[in-house]
Amino acid sequence: MDTALWILQVLLAVAFVGAGLMKLTQPKAKIAERMAWANDFSETQLKLIGLVELLGAVGLILPAVTRILPILTPLAAVGLVLTMIGAALTHIRRGEMPMVIPNIVLLALAAIVAYGRFVAFPL
């Protein structure tokens, strides 16, 4: 189970690093070309969302690998669960129901990591 949690942590980190860096490095107009929901947020808000995603990704891996404050790993997973709740609510509000599915999948995977690292296999 510990190996499965590590695999989930790495997969989630890769996904959120990609999403976070894209939001941090691209202008709002370019993001909005591919993601219509971006028009509902300011450039600053998009950058903050990207920063939260990037920090969550780092939090999934770095504390666990270094064994420095390993409690931050499940807390990062909880933060990503909350981020995905916000993302799902945004898509629901906009009537973009197919876009909610990836949010639910990422939310569930992050919740598994949070539970696993808090309860089943703490670091």
Protein backbone atom coordinates (compact mmCIF):
# COMPACT_ATOMS: atom_id res chain seq x y z
CA MET A 1 0.00 0.00 0.00
CA ASP A 2 2.88 2.36 0.74
CA THR A 3 4.14 1.88 -2.82
CA ALA A 4 0.67 2.59 -4.21
CA LEU A 5 0.52 5.82 -2.20
CA TRP A 6 3.91 6.86 -3.55
CA ILE A 7 2.74 6.19 -7.09
CA LEU A 8 -0.40 8.27 -6.49
CA GLN A 9 1.65 11.06 -4.95
CA VAL A 10 3.99 11.19 -7.95
CA LEU A 11 1.14 11.04 -10.49
CA LEU A 12 -0.77 13.79 -8.70
CA ALA A 13 2.38 15.89 -8.38
CA VAL A 14 3.08 15.59 -12.11
CA ALA A 15 -0.50 16.56 -12.95
CA PHE A 16 -0.55 19.55 -10.62
CA VAL A 17 2.94 20.76 -11.56
CA GLY A 18 1.82 20.83 -15.19
CA ALA A 19 -1.45 22.59 -14.43
CA GLY A 20 0.14 25.02 -11.99
CA LEU A 21 3.07 25.98 -14.22
CA MET A 22 0.73 26.51 -17.16
CA LYS A 23 -1.37 28.95 -15.13
CA LEU A 24 1.70 30.70 -13.74
CA THR A 25 3.53 31.11 -17.03
CA GLN A 26 0.79 31.74 -19.60
CA PRO A 27 -1.15 34.98 -20.00
CA LYS A 28 -4.85 34.85 -19.20
CA ALA A 29 -5.84 35.16 -22.88
CA LYS A 30 -3.86 32.07 -23.82
CA ILE A 31 -5.29 30.08 -20.89
CA ALA A 32 -8.83 31.19 -21.79
CA GLU A 33 -8.39 29.89 -25.36
CA ARG A 34 -8.26 26.35 -23.99
CA MET A 35 -10.24 26.79 -20.78
CA ALA A 36 -13.29 29.02 -21.00
CA TRP A 37 -13.72 29.08 -17.24
CA ALA A 38 -10.57 31.25 -17.01
CA ASN A 39 -12.63 34.21 -18.22
CA ASP A 40 -14.45 34.14 -14.86
CA PHE A 41 -11.23 34.95 -13.01
CA SER A 42 -8.73 37.80 -13.05
CA GLU A 43 -5.13 37.29 -14.15
CA THR A 44 -4.06 37.49 -10.50
CA GLN A 45 -6.60 34.89 -9.43
CA LEU A 46 -5.40 32.52 -12.17
CA LYS A 47 -1.80 32.98 -11.01
CA LEU A 48 -2.86 32.25 -7.42
CA ILE A 49 -4.69 29.09 -8.52
CA GLY A 50 -1.55 28.03 -10.36
CA LEU A 51 0.59 28.76 -7.30
CA VAL A 52 -1.73 26.71 -5.06
CA GLU A 53 -1.54 23.80 -7.51
CA LEU A 54 2.24 24.02 -7.73
CA LEU A 55 2.69 24.25 -3.96
CA GLY A 56 0.31 21.32 -3.49
CA ALA A 57 2.39 19.25 -5.90
CA VAL A 58 5.61 20.12 -4.11
CA GLY A 59 3.95 19.36 -0.77
CA LEU A 60 2.99 15.88 -1.93
CA ILE A 61 6.61 14.93 -2.56
CA LEU A 62 9.22 17.13 -0.85
CA PRO A 63 8.29 16.66 2.84
CA ALA A 64 7.88 12.91 2.32
CA VAL A 65 11.23 12.53 0.55
CA THR A 66 13.23 14.74 2.93
CA ARG A 67 11.40 13.58 6.07
CA ILE A 68 11.29 17.25 7.09
CA LEU A 69 7.81 18.02 8.42
CA PRO A 70 6.24 14.97 6.74
CA ILE A 71 2.84 16.01 8.12
CA LEU A 72 2.81 18.52 5.27
CA THR A 73 2.32 15.73 2.72
CA PRO A 74 -1.22 14.73 3.78
CA LEU A 75 -2.01 18.39 4.43
CA ALA A 76 -0.98 19.18 0.85
CA ALA A 77 -3.30 16.40 -0.32
CA VAL A 78 -6.16 17.94 1.69
CA GLY A 79 -5.37 21.31 0.11
CA LEU A 80 -5.60 19.74 -3.34
CA VAL A 81 -8.93 18.13 -2.40
CA LEU A 82 -10.22 21.60 -1.51
CA THR A 83 -8.81 23.01 -4.74
CA MET A 84 -10.62 20.35 -6.76
CA ILE A 85 -13.87 21.05 -4.88
CA GLY A 86 -13.53 24.67 -5.98
CA ALA A 87 -12.76 23.63 -9.54
CA ALA A 88 -15.75 21.27 -9.66
CA LEU A 89 -18.06 23.95 -8.27
CA THR A 90 -16.83 26.39 -10.91
CA HIS A 91 -17.59 23.91 -13.70
CA ILE A 92 -21.00 23.06 -12.20
CA ARG A 93 -21.87 26.76 -11.95
CA ARG A 94 -20.91 27.22 -15.60
CA GLY A 95 -22.88 24.15 -16.70
CA GLU A 96 -19.72 22.33 -17.83
CA MET A 97 -20.68 18.96 -16.39
CA PRO A 98 -18.19 16.84 -18.43
CA MET A 99 -15.38 18.97 -17.00
CA VAL A 100 -16.36 17.95 -13.47
CA ILE A 101 -15.25 14.35 -14.04
CA PRO A 102 -11.48 15.06 -14.06
CA ASN A 103 -11.95 17.21 -10.95
CA ILE A 104 -13.70 14.35 -9.16
CA VAL A 105 -10.98 11.89 -10.19
CA LEU A 106 -8.18 14.17 -8.97
CA LEU A 107 -10.16 14.93 -5.81
CA ALA A 108 -10.61 11.21 -5.09
CA LEU A 109 -6.93 10.44 -5.68
CA ALA A 110 -5.85 13.31 -3.43
CA ALA A 111 -8.32 12.13 -0.77
CA ILE A 112 -6.81 8.63 -0.93
CA VAL A 113 -3.34 10.10 -0.42
CA ALA A 114 -4.57 12.25 2.48
CA TYR A 115 -6.23 9.28 4.19
CA GLY A 116 -3.32 7.00 3.43
CA ARG A 117 -0.72 9.37 4.81
CA PHE A 118 -2.78 10.48 7.81
CA VAL A 119 -4.13 7.06 8.84
CA ALA A 120 -3.09 3.94 6.91
CA PHE A 121 0.63 4.54 6.21
CA PRO A 122 1.83 7.72 7.88
CA LEU A 123 5.29 8.93 6.96
